């Protein structure tokens, strides 16, 4: 029987903003990236990470890391889902010249 640990104790660590500045771009785009772990600090490989309102889902890699690129400036809600755990949501902002935590 699988133990169900609430994902509210999940850590989305190091959500950071990386600026991509293509030549001639009118609007600066950013990236939200991070590391997904459980309450015991074990990495969650294959966790689903969705960002809204952008609608750009991704999955964590074998080290629990993810990156969602090409995001316009603004506020987003990241939702992490993993089999056997409750979903976890966190706000993140993409702001010019600053890092997002």
PDB file of N, CA and C in Angstrom:
ATOM      1  N   UNK A   1       0.846  -1.170   0.000  1.00  0.00           N
ATOM      2  CA  UNK A   1       0.000   0.000   0.000  1.00  0.00           C
ATOM      3  C   UNK A   1       0.897   1.240   0.000  1.00  0.00           C
ATOM      4  N   UNK A   2       0.650   2.151  -0.908  1.00  0.00           N
ATOM      5  CA  UNK A   2       1.473   3.339  -1.028  1.00  0.00           C
ATOM      6  C   UNK A   2       1.028   4.392  -0.025  1.00  0.00           C
ATOM      7  N   UNK A   3       1.998   4.964   0.670  1.00  0.00           N
ATOM      8  CA  UNK A   3       1.706   6.000   1.648  1.00  0.00           C
ATOM      9  C   UNK A   3       1.468   7.320   0.909  1.00  0.00           C
ATOM     10  N   UNK A   4       0.407   8.009   1.275  1.00  0.00           N
ATOM     11  CA  UNK A   4       0.053   9.264   0.612  1.00  0.00           C
ATOM     12  C   UNK A   4       0.571  10.438   1.438  1.00  0.00           C
ATOM     13  N   UNK A   5       1.596  11.100   0.934  1.00  0.00           N
ATOM     14  CA  UNK A   5       2.169  12.262   1.598  1.00  0.00           C
ATOM     15  C   UNK A   5       1.613  13.502   0.905  1.00  0.00           C
ATOM     16  N   UNK A   6       1.078  14.450   1.664  1.00  0.00           N
ATOM     17  CA  UNK A   6       0.533  15.640   1.010  1.00  0.00           C
ATOM     18  C   UNK A   6       1.625  16.415   0.286  1.00  0.00           C
ATOM     19  N   UNK A   7       1.308  16.816  -0.934  1.00  0.00           N
ATOM     20  CA  UNK A   7       2.276  17.545  -1.741  1.00  0.00           C
ATOM     21  C   UNK A   7       2.433  18.974  -1.234  1.00  0.00           C
ATOM     22  N   UNK A   8       1.623  19.387  -0.254  1.00  0.00           N
ATOM     23  CA  UNK A   8       1.781  20.721   0.299  1.00  0.00           C
ATOM     24  C   UNK A   8       3.139  20.852   0.977  1.00  0.00           C
ATOM     25  N   UNK A   9       3.741  19.737   1.344  1.00  0.00           N
ATOM     26  CA  UNK A   9       5.073  19.794   1.928  1.00  0.00           C
ATOM     27  C   UNK A   9       6.156  19.722   0.856  1.00  0.00           C
ATOM     28  N   UNK A  10       5.742  19.614  -0.388  1.00  0.00           N
ATOM     29  CA  UNK A  10       6.662  19.582  -1.516  1.00  0.00           C
ATOM     30  C   UNK A  10       7.404  20.908  -1.615  1.00  0.00           C
ATOM     31  N   UNK A  11       8.632  20.839  -1.961  1.00  0.00           N
ATOM     32  CA  UNK A  11       9.413  22.058  -2.133  1.00  0.00           C
ATOM     33  C   UNK A  11       9.661  22.305  -3.609  1.00  0.00           C
ATOM     34  N   UNK A  12       9.340  23.475  -4.060  1.00  0.00           N
ATOM     35  CA  UNK A  12       9.736  23.888  -5.395  1.00  0.00           C
ATOM     36  C   UNK A  12      10.846  24.894  -5.147  1.00  0.00           C
ATOM     37  N   UNK A  13      12.069  24.410  -5.273  1.00  0.00           N
ATOM     38  CA  UNK A  13      13.240  25.180  -4.880  1.00  0.00           C
ATOM     39  C   UNK A  13      13.897  25.804  -6.095  1.00  0.00           C
ATOM     40  N   UNK A  14      14.387  26.988  -5.912  1.00  0.00           N
ATOM     41  CA  UNK A  14      15.211  27.613  -6.927  1.00  0.00           C
ATOM     42  C   UNK A  14      14.447  28.064  -8.148  1.00  0.00           C
ATOM     43  N   UNK A  15      13.173  28.362  -7.997  1.00  0.00           N
ATOM     44  CA  UNK A  15      12.461  28.914  -9.138  1.00  0.00           C
ATOM     45  C   UNK A  15      13.168  30.207  -9.509  1.00  0.00           C
ATOM     46  N   UNK A  16      13.729  30.235 -10.674  1.00  0.00           N
ATOM     47  CA  UNK A  16      14.506  31.407 -11.041  1.00  0.00           C
ATOM     48  C   UNK A  16      14.097  31.904 -12.412  1.00  0.00           C
ATOM     49  N   UNK A  17      14.448  33.118 -12.660  1.00  0.00           N
ATOM     50  CA  UNK A  17      14.093  33.771 -13.900  1.00  0.00           C
ATOM     51  C   UNK A  17      15.360  33.945 -14.729  1.00  0.00           C
ATOM     52  N   UNK A  18      15.329  33.448 -15.940  1.00  0.00           N
ATOM     53  CA  UNK A  18      16.458  33.593 -16.861  1.00  0.00           C
ATOM     54  C   UNK A  18      15.954  34.391 -18.052  1.00  0.00           C
ATOM     55  N   UNK A  19      16.649  35.438 -18.401  1.00  0.00           N
ATOM     56  CA  UNK A  19      16.184  36.282 -19.492  1.00  0.00           C
ATOM     57  C   UNK A  19      16.738  35.823 -20.814  1.00  0.00           C
ATOM     58  N   UNK A  20      15.860  35.738 -21.786  1.00  0.00           N
ATOM     59  CA  UNK A  20      16.235  35.420 -23.153  1.00  0.00           C
ATOM     60  C   UNK A  20      15.962  36.668 -23.968  1.00  0.00           C
ATOM     61  N   UNK A  21      16.963  37.175 -24.647  1.00  0.00           N
ATOM     62  CA  UNK A  21      16.777  38.419 -25.389  1.00  0.00           C
ATOM     63  C   UNK A  21      17.146  38.217 -26.851  1.00  0.00           C
ATOM     64  N   UNK A  22      16.241  37.657 -27.642  1.00  0.00           N
ATOM     65  CA  UNK A  22      16.507  37.490 -29.061  1.00  0.00           C
ATOM     66  C   UNK A  22      16.646  38.847 -29.744  1.00  0.00           C
ATOM     67  N   UNK A  23      17.493  38.913 -30.769  1.00  0.00           N
ATOM     68  CA  UNK A  23      17.715  40.166 -31.487  1.00  0.00           C
ATOM     69  C   UNK A  23      16.397  40.673 -32.063  1.00  0.00           C
ATOM     70  N   UNK A  24      16.137  41.938 -31.836  1.00  0.00           N
ATOM     71  CA  UNK A  24      14.947  42.571 -32.390  1.00  0.00           C
ATOM     72  C   UNK A  24      13.654  42.227 -31.668  1.00  0.00           C
ATOM     73  N   UNK A  25      13.739  41.569 -30.548  1.00  0.00           N
ATOM     74  CA  UNK A  25      12.510  41.193 -29.831  1.00  0.00           C
ATOM     75  C   UNK A  25      11.861  42.421 -29.227  1.00  0.00           C
ATOM     76  N   UNK A  26      10.546  42.515 -29.349  1.00  0.00           N
ATOM     77  CA  UNK A  26       9.827  43.642 -28.781  1.00  0.00           C
ATOM     78  C   UNK A  26       9.493  43.397 -27.320  1.00  0.00           C
ATOM     79  N   UNK A  27       9.363  42.140 -26.926  1.00  0.00           N
ATOM     80  CA  UNK A  27       8.995  41.809 -25.562  1.00  0.00           C
ATOM     81  C   UNK A  27      10.016  40.816 -25.014  1.00  0.00           C
ATOM     82  N   UNK A  28      10.477  41.060 -23.784  1.00  0.00           N
ATOM     83  CA  UNK A  28      11.430  40.156 -23.157  1.00  0.00           C
ATOM     84  C   UNK A  28      10.689  38.943 -22.616  1.00  0.00           C
ATOM     85  N   UNK A  29      11.257  37.778 -22.816  1.00  0.00           N
ATOM     86  CA  UNK A  29      10.666  36.529 -22.352  1.00  0.00           C
ATOM     87  C   UNK A  29      11.523  35.962 -21.236  1.00  0.00           C
ATOM     88  N   UNK A  30      10.944  35.107 -20.431  1.00  0.00           N
ATOM     89  CA  UNK A  30      11.677  34.527 -19.324  1.00  0.00           C
ATOM     90  C   UNK A  30      11.422  33.046 -19.172  1.00  0.00           C
ATOM     91  N   UNK A  31      12.114  32.459 -18.194  1.00  0.00           N
ATOM     92  CA  UNK A  31      12.021  31.038 -17.888  1.00  0.00           C
ATOM     93  C   UNK A  31      11.829  30.866 -16.395  1.00  0.00           C
ATOM     94  N   UNK A  32      10.919  29.987 -16.017  1.00  0.00           N
ATOM     95  CA  UNK A  32      10.786  29.595 -14.616  1.00  0.00           C
ATOM     96  C   UNK A  32      11.335  28.186 -14.519  1.00  0.00           C
ATOM     97  N   UNK A  33      12.313  28.001 -13.633  1.00  0.00           N
ATOM     98  CA  UNK A  33      12.903  26.676 -13.464  1.00  0.00           C
ATOM     99  C   UNK A  33      12.991  26.359 -11.987  1.00  0.00           C
ATOM    100  N   UNK A  34      13.141  25.078 -11.668  1.00  0.00           N
ATOM    101  CA  UNK A  34      13.232  24.713 -10.267  1.00  0.00           C
ATOM    102  C   UNK A  34      13.508  23.244 -10.060  1.00  0.00           C
ATOM    103  N   UNK A  35      13.535  22.846  -8.810  1.00  0.00           N
ATOM    104  CA  UNK A  35      13.767  21.486  -8.374  1.00  0.00           C
ATOM    105  C   UNK A  35      12.569  21.056  -7.541  1.00  0.00           C
ATOM    106  N   UNK A  36      12.001  19.899  -7.835  1.00  0.00           N
ATOM    107  CA  UNK A  36      10.830  19.411  -7.119  1.00  0.00           C
ATOM    108  C   UNK A  36      11.251  18.245  -6.225  1.00  0.00           C
ATOM    109  N   UNK A  37      10.976  18.392  -4.912  1.00  0.00           N
ATOM    110  CA  UNK A  37      11.304  17.345  -3.941  1.00  0.00           C
ATOM    111  C   UNK A  37      10.094  17.073  -3.057  1.00  0.00           C
ATOM    112  N   UNK A  38      10.131  15.942  -2.364  1.00  0.00           N
ATOM    113  CA  UNK A  38       9.062  15.632  -1.417  1.00  0.00           C
ATOM    114  C   UNK A  38       9.449  16.144  -0.032  1.00  0.00           C
ATOM    115  N   UNK A  39       8.635  15.843   0.967  1.00  0.00           N
ATOM    116  CA  UNK A  39       8.877  16.325   2.331  1.00  0.00           C
ATOM    117  C   UNK A  39      10.202  15.829   2.896  1.00  0.00           C
ATOM    118  N   UNK A  40      10.671  14.680   2.436  1.00  0.00           N
ATOM    119  CA  UNK A  40      11.942  14.128   2.907  1.00  0.00           C
ATOM    120  C   UNK A  40      13.123  14.571   2.062  1.00  0.00           C
ATOM    121  N   UNK A  41      12.922  15.538   1.184  1.00  0.00           N
ATOM    122  CA  UNK A  41      13.937  16.088   0.286  1.00  0.00           C
ATOM    123  C   UNK A  41      14.383  15.111  -0.792  1.00  0.00           C
ATOM    124  N   UNK A  42      13.576  14.092  -1.047  1.00  0.00           N
ATOM    125  CA  UNK A  42      13.850  13.185  -2.162  1.00  0.00           C
ATOM    126  C   UNK A  42      13.331  13.793  -3.446  1.00  0.00           C
ATOM    127  N   UNK A  43      14.119  13.726  -4.514  1.00  0.00           N
ATOM    128  CA  UNK A  43      13.693  14.319  -5.785  1.00  0.00           C
ATOM    129  C   UNK A  43      12.522  13.536  -6.358  1.00  0.00           C
ATOM    130  N   UNK A  44      11.639  14.246  -7.023  1.00  0.00           N
ATOM    131  CA  UNK A  44      10.473  13.632  -7.658  1.00  0.00           C
ATOM    132  C   UNK A  44      10.671  13.663  -9.170  1.00  0.00           C
ATOM    133  N   UNK A  45      11.233  12.569  -9.700  1.00  0.00           N
ATOM    134  CA  UNK A  45      11.413  12.497 -11.151  1.00  0.00           C
ATOM    135  C   UNK A  45      10.096  12.116 -11.794  1.00  0.00           C
ATOM    136  N   UNK A  46       9.783  12.755 -12.904  1.00  0.00           N
ATOM    137  CA  UNK A  46       8.539  12.485 -13.606  1.00  0.00           C
ATOM    138  C   UNK A  46       7.327  13.198 -13.039  1.00  0.00           C
ATOM    139  N   UNK A  47       7.532  14.161 -12.140  1.00  0.00           N
ATOM    140  CA  UNK A  47       6.414  14.954 -11.617  1.00  0.00           C
ATOM    141  C   UNK A  47       5.915  15.891 -12.713  1.00  0.00           C
ATOM    142  N   UNK A  48       4.623  16.082 -12.777  1.00  0.00           N
ATOM    143  CA  UNK A  48       4.015  16.982 -13.750  1.00  0.00           C
ATOM    144  C   UNK A  48       4.028  18.404 -13.196  1.00  0.00           C
ATOM    145  N   UNK A  49       4.520  19.355 -13.996  1.00  0.00           N
ATOM    146  CA  UNK A  49       4.553  20.762 -13.602  1.00  0.00           C
ATOM    147  C   UNK A  49       3.798  21.550 -14.660  1.00  0.00           C
ATOM    148  N   UNK A  50       2.754  22.254 -14.229  1.00  0.00           N
ATOM    149  CA  UNK A  50       1.943  23.043 -15.161  1.00  0.00           C
ATOM    150  C   UNK A  50       1.987  24.498 -14.734  1.00  0.00           C
ATOM    151  N   UNK A  51       2.069  25.395 -15.695  1.00  0.00           N
ATOM    152  CA  UNK A  51       2.061  26.827 -15.390  1.00  0.00           C
ATOM    153  C   UNK A  51       0.844  27.454 -16.064  1.00  0.00           C
ATOM    154  N   UNK A  52       0.067  28.186 -15.260  1.00  0.00           N
ATOM    155  CA  UNK A  52      -1.132  28.848 -15.771  1.00  0.00           C
ATOM    156  C   UNK A  52      -1.014  30.342 -15.519  1.00  0.00           C
ATOM    157  N   UNK A  53      -1.457  31.191 -16.394  1.00  0.00           N
ATOM    158  CA  UNK A  53      -2.343  30.930 -17.510  1.00  0.00           C
ATOM    159  C   UNK A  53      -1.645  30.569 -18.815  1.00  0.00           C
ATOM    160  N   UNK A  54      -0.364  30.317 -18.801  1.00  0.00           N
ATOM    161  CA  UNK A  54       0.364  30.036 -20.033  1.00  0.00           C
ATOM    162  C   UNK A  54      -0.008  28.692 -20.652  1.00  0.00           C
ATOM    163  N   UNK A  55      -0.429  27.724 -19.828  1.00  0.00           N
ATOM    164  CA  UNK A  55      -0.795  26.420 -20.347  1.00  0.00           C
ATOM    165  C   UNK A  55       0.370  25.668 -20.944  1.00  0.00           C
ATOM    166  N   UNK A  56       1.536  25.749 -20.277  1.00  0.00           N
ATOM    167  CA  UNK A  56       2.743  25.088 -20.774  1.00  0.00           C
ATOM    168  C   UNK A  56       3.182  24.016 -19.778  1.00  0.00           C
ATOM    169  N   UNK A  57       2.654  22.800 -19.912  1.00  0.00           N
ATOM    170  CA  UNK A  57       3.043  21.741 -18.975  1.00  0.00           C
ATOM    171  C   UNK A  57       4.412  21.155 -19.311  1.00  0.00           C
ATOM    172  N   UNK A  58       5.069  20.604 -18.297  1.00  0.00           N
ATOM    173  CA  UNK A  58       6.335  19.902 -18.485  1.00  0.00           C
ATOM    174  C   UNK A  58       6.420  18.813 -17.424  1.00  0.00           C
ATOM    175  N   UNK A  59       7.477  18.035 -17.483  1.00  0.00           N
ATOM    176  CA  UNK A  59       7.708  16.952 -16.533  1.00  0.00           C
ATOM    177  C   UNK A  59       9.127  17.097 -16.003  1.00  0.00           C
ATOM    178  N   UNK A  60       9.319  16.819 -14.701  1.00  0.00           N
ATOM    179  CA  UNK A  60      10.662  16.909 -14.128  1.00  0.00           C
ATOM    180  C   UNK A  60      11.552  15.804 -14.689  1.00  0.00           C
ATOM    181  N   UNK A  61      12.849  16.102 -14.758  1.00  0.00           N
ATOM    182  CA  UNK A  61      13.808  15.122 -15.270  1.00  0.00           C
ATOM    183  C   UNK A  61      14.220  14.145 -14.168  1.00  0.00           C
ATOM    184  N   UNK A  62      15.234  13.335 -14.420  1.00  0.00           N
ATOM    185  CA  UNK A  62      15.664  12.316 -13.455  1.00  0.00           C
ATOM    186  C   UNK A  62      16.253  12.911 -12.187  1.00  0.00           C
ATOM    187  N   UNK A  63      16.581  14.202 -12.200  1.00  0.00           N
ATOM    188  CA  UNK A  63      17.090  14.867 -11.008  1.00  0.00           C
ATOM    189  C   UNK A  63      16.042  15.769 -10.360  1.00  0.00           C
ATOM    190  N   UNK A  64      14.792  15.670 -10.831  1.00  0.00           N
ATOM    191  CA  UNK A  64      13.697  16.459 -10.272  1.00  0.00           C
ATOM    192  C   UNK A  64      13.662  17.899 -10.747  1.00  0.00           C
ATOM    193  N   UNK A  65      14.431  18.221 -11.779  1.00  0.00           N
ATOM    194  CA  UNK A  65      14.505  19.602 -12.265  1.00  0.00           C
ATOM    195  C   UNK A  65      13.546  19.816 -13.431  1.00  0.00           C
ATOM    196  N   UNK A  66      13.112  21.073 -13.582  1.00  0.00           N
ATOM    197  CA  UNK A  66      12.243  21.448 -14.694  1.00  0.00           C
ATOM    198  C   UNK A  66      12.571  22.861 -15.138  1.00  0.00           C
ATOM    199  N   UNK A  67      12.161  23.191 -16.349  1.00  0.00           N
ATOM    200  CA  UNK A  67      12.280  24.555 -16.873  1.00  0.00           C
ATOM    201  C   UNK A  67      11.113  24.785 -17.828  1.00  0.00           C
ATOM    202  N   UNK A  68      10.448  25.905 -17.645  1.00  0.00           N
ATOM    203  CA  UNK A  68       9.362  26.305 -18.539  1.00  0.00           C
ATOM    204  C   UNK A  68       9.808  27.620 -19.168  1.00  0.00           C
ATOM    205  N   UNK A  69      10.014  27.597 -20.475  1.00  0.00           N
ATOM    206  CA  UNK A  69      10.621  28.722 -21.183  1.00  0.00           C
ATOM    207  C   UNK A  69       9.598  29.551 -21.943  1.00  0.00           C
ATOM    208  N   UNK A  70      10.090  30.657 -22.467  1.00  0.00           N
ATOM    209  CA  UNK A  70       9.331  31.533 -23.359  1.00  0.00           C
ATOM    210  C   UNK A  70       8.079  32.096 -22.697  1.00  0.00           C
ATOM    211  N   UNK A  71       8.227  32.549 -21.451  1.00  0.00           N
ATOM    212  CA  UNK A  71       7.105  33.130 -20.716  1.00  0.00           C
ATOM    213  C   UNK A  71       7.170  34.654 -20.760  1.00  0.00           C
ATOM    214  N   UNK A  72       6.039  35.276 -21.027  1.00  0.00           N
ATOM    215  CA  UNK A  72       5.950  36.732 -20.995  1.00  0.00           C
ATOM    216  C   UNK A  72       5.969  37.196 -19.538  1.00  0.00           C
ATOM    217  N   UNK A  73       6.314  38.469 -19.329  1.00  0.00           N
ATOM    218  CA  UNK A  73       6.289  39.022 -17.982  1.00  0.00           C
ATOM    219  C   UNK A  73       4.893  38.903 -17.403  1.00  0.00           C
ATOM    220  N   UNK A  74       4.818  38.625 -16.091  1.00  0.00           N
ATOM    221  CA  UNK A  74       3.529  38.523 -15.433  1.00  0.00           C
ATOM    222  C   UNK A  74       3.558  37.506 -14.309  1.00  0.00           C
ATOM    223  N   UNK A  75       2.385  37.300 -13.695  1.00  0.00           N
ATOM    224  CA  UNK A  75       2.260  36.340 -12.605  1.00  0.00           C
ATOM    225  C   UNK A  75       1.701  35.025 -13.129  1.00  0.00           C
ATOM    226  N   UNK A  76       2.220  33.946 -12.571  1.00  0.00           N
ATOM    227  CA  UNK A  76       1.805  32.610 -12.970  1.00  0.00           C
ATOM    228  C   UNK A  76       1.557  31.763 -11.729  1.00  0.00           C
ATOM    229  N   UNK A  77       0.805  30.689 -11.902  1.00  0.00           N
ATOM    230  CA  UNK A  77       0.615  29.711 -10.835  1.00  0.00           C
ATOM    231  C   UNK A  77       1.183  28.385 -11.327  1.00  0.00           C
ATOM    232  N   UNK A  78       2.184  27.877 -10.595  1.00  0.00           N
ATOM    233  CA  UNK A  78       2.777  26.576 -10.891  1.00  0.00           C
ATOM    234  C   UNK A  78       2.019  25.528 -10.087  1.00  0.00           C
ATOM    235  N   UNK A  79       1.623  24.455 -10.738  1.00  0.00           N
ATOM    236  CA  UNK A  79       0.976  23.350 -10.046  1.00  0.00           C
ATOM    237  C   UNK A  79       1.768  22.085 -10.323  1.00  0.00           C
ATOM    238  N   UNK A  80       2.198  21.421  -9.240  1.00  0.00           N
ATOM    239  CA  UNK A  80       2.976  20.193  -9.342  1.00  0.00           C
ATOM    240  C   UNK A  80       2.091  19.030  -8.925  1.00  0.00           C
ATOM    241  N   UNK A  81       2.078  17.989  -9.756  1.00  0.00           N
ATOM    242  CA  UNK A  81       1.304  16.781  -9.463  1.00  0.00           C
ATOM    243  C   UNK A  81       2.233  15.578  -9.540  1.00  0.00           C
ATOM    244  N   UNK A  82       2.012  14.614  -8.638  1.00  0.00           N
ATOM    245  CA  UNK A  82       2.816  13.400  -8.611  1.00  0.00           C
ATOM    246  C   UNK A  82       1.936  12.264  -8.106  1.00  0.00           C
ATOM    247  N   UNK A  83       2.042  11.104  -8.714  1.00  0.00           N
ATOM    248  CA  UNK A  83       1.213   9.955  -8.354  1.00  0.00           C
ATOM    249  C   UNK A  83       1.335   9.656  -6.860  1.00  0.00           C
ATOM    250  N   UNK A  84       0.201   9.561  -6.181  1.00  0.00           N
ATOM    251  CA  UNK A  84       0.173   9.233  -4.762  1.00  0.00           C
ATOM    252  C   UNK A  84       0.295  10.424  -3.833  1.00  0.00           C
ATOM    253  N   UNK A  85       0.498  11.614  -4.389  1.00  0.00           N
ATOM    254  CA  UNK A  85       0.626  12.825  -3.577  1.00  0.00           C
ATOM    255  C   UNK A  85      -0.434  13.834  -3.983  1.00  0.00           C
ATOM    256  N   UNK A  86      -0.837  14.675  -3.045  1.00  0.00           N
ATOM    257  CA  UNK A  86      -1.786  15.742  -3.350  1.00  0.00           C
ATOM    258  C   UNK A  86      -1.081  16.825  -4.176  1.00  0.00           C
ATOM    259  N   UNK A  87      -1.786  17.450  -5.131  1.00  0.00           N
ATOM    260  CA  UNK A  87      -1.184  18.535  -5.921  1.00  0.00           C
ATOM    261  C   UNK A  87      -0.743  19.698  -5.036  1.00  0.00           C
ATOM    262  N   UNK A  88       0.284  20.397  -5.488  1.00  0.00           N
ATOM    263  CA  UNK A  88       0.833  21.556  -4.784  1.00  0.00           C
ATOM    264  C   UNK A  88       0.899  22.715  -5.762  1.00  0.00           C
ATOM    265  N   UNK A  89       0.466  23.907  -5.338  1.00  0.00           N
ATOM    266  CA  UNK A  89       0.513  25.096  -6.196  1.00  0.00           C
ATOM    267  C   UNK A  89       1.313  26.202  -5.525  1.00  0.00           C
ATOM    268  N   UNK A  90       1.969  26.996  -6.354  1.00  0.00           N
ATOM    269  CA  UNK A  90       2.783  28.114  -5.873  1.00  0.00           C
ATOM    270  C   UNK A  90       2.756  29.217  -6.919  1.00  0.00           C
ATOM    271  N   UNK A  91       2.695  30.462  -6.446  1.00  0.00           N
ATOM    272  CA  UNK A  91       2.750  31.607  -7.357  1.00  0.00           C
ATOM    273  C   UNK A  91       4.197  31.890  -7.735  1.00  0.00           C
ATOM    274  N   UNK A  92       4.385  32.336  -8.962  1.00  0.00           N
ATOM    275  CA  UNK A  92       5.700  32.747  -9.441  1.00  0.00           C
ATOM    276  C   UNK A  92       5.499  33.940 -10.369  1.00  0.00           C
ATOM    277  N   UNK A  93       6.414  34.871 -10.329  1.00  0.00           N
ATOM    278  CA  UNK A  93       6.317  36.054 -11.181  1.00  0.00           C
ATOM    279  C   UNK A  93       7.527  36.152 -12.091  1.00  0.00           C
ATOM    280  N   UNK A  94       7.276  36.513 -13.321  1.00  0.00           N
ATOM    281  CA  UNK A  94       8.337  36.796 -14.272  1.00  0.00           C
ATOM    282  C   UNK A  94       8.377  38.315 -14.392  1.00  0.00           C
ATOM    283  N   UNK A  95       9.478  38.917 -13.887  1.00  0.00           N
ATOM    284  CA  UNK A  95       9.633  40.367 -13.859  1.00  0.00           C
ATOM    285  C   UNK A  95      10.966  40.756 -14.469  1.00  0.00           C
ATOM    286  N   UNK A  96      10.983  41.783 -15.296  1.00  0.00           N
ATOM    287  CA  UNK A  96      12.195  42.219 -15.975  1.00  0.00           C
ATOM    288  C   UNK A  96      13.316  42.526 -14.992  1.00  0.00           C
ATOM    289  N   UNK A  97      14.478  41.906 -15.200  1.00  0.00           N
ATOM    290  CA  UNK A  97      15.671  42.209 -14.434  1.00  0.00           C
ATOM    291  C   UNK A  97      15.722  41.646 -13.023  1.00  0.00           C
ATOM    292  N   UNK A  98      14.767  40.797 -12.603  1.00  0.00           N
ATOM    293  CA  UNK A  98      14.763  40.257 -11.252  1.00  0.00           C
ATOM    294  C   UNK A  98      14.613  38.749 -11.283  1.00  0.00           C
ATOM    295  N   UNK A  99      15.005  38.095 -10.196  1.00  0.00           N
ATOM    296  CA  UNK A  99      14.828  36.651 -10.072  1.00  0.00           C
ATOM    297  C   UNK A  99      13.530  36.361  -9.354  1.00  0.00           C
ATOM    298  N   UNK A 100      12.916  35.241  -9.699  1.00  0.00           N
ATOM    299  CA  UNK A 100      11.688  34.801  -9.052  1.00  0.00           C
ATOM    300  C   UNK A 100      11.995  33.691  -8.066  1.00  0.00           C
ATOM    301  N   UNK A 101      11.440  33.778  -6.850  1.00  0.00           N
ATOM    302  CA  UNK A 101      11.632  32.719  -5.857  1.00  0.00           C
ATOM    303  C   UNK A 101      10.360  31.935  -5.665  1.00  0.00           C
TER     304      UNK A 101
END
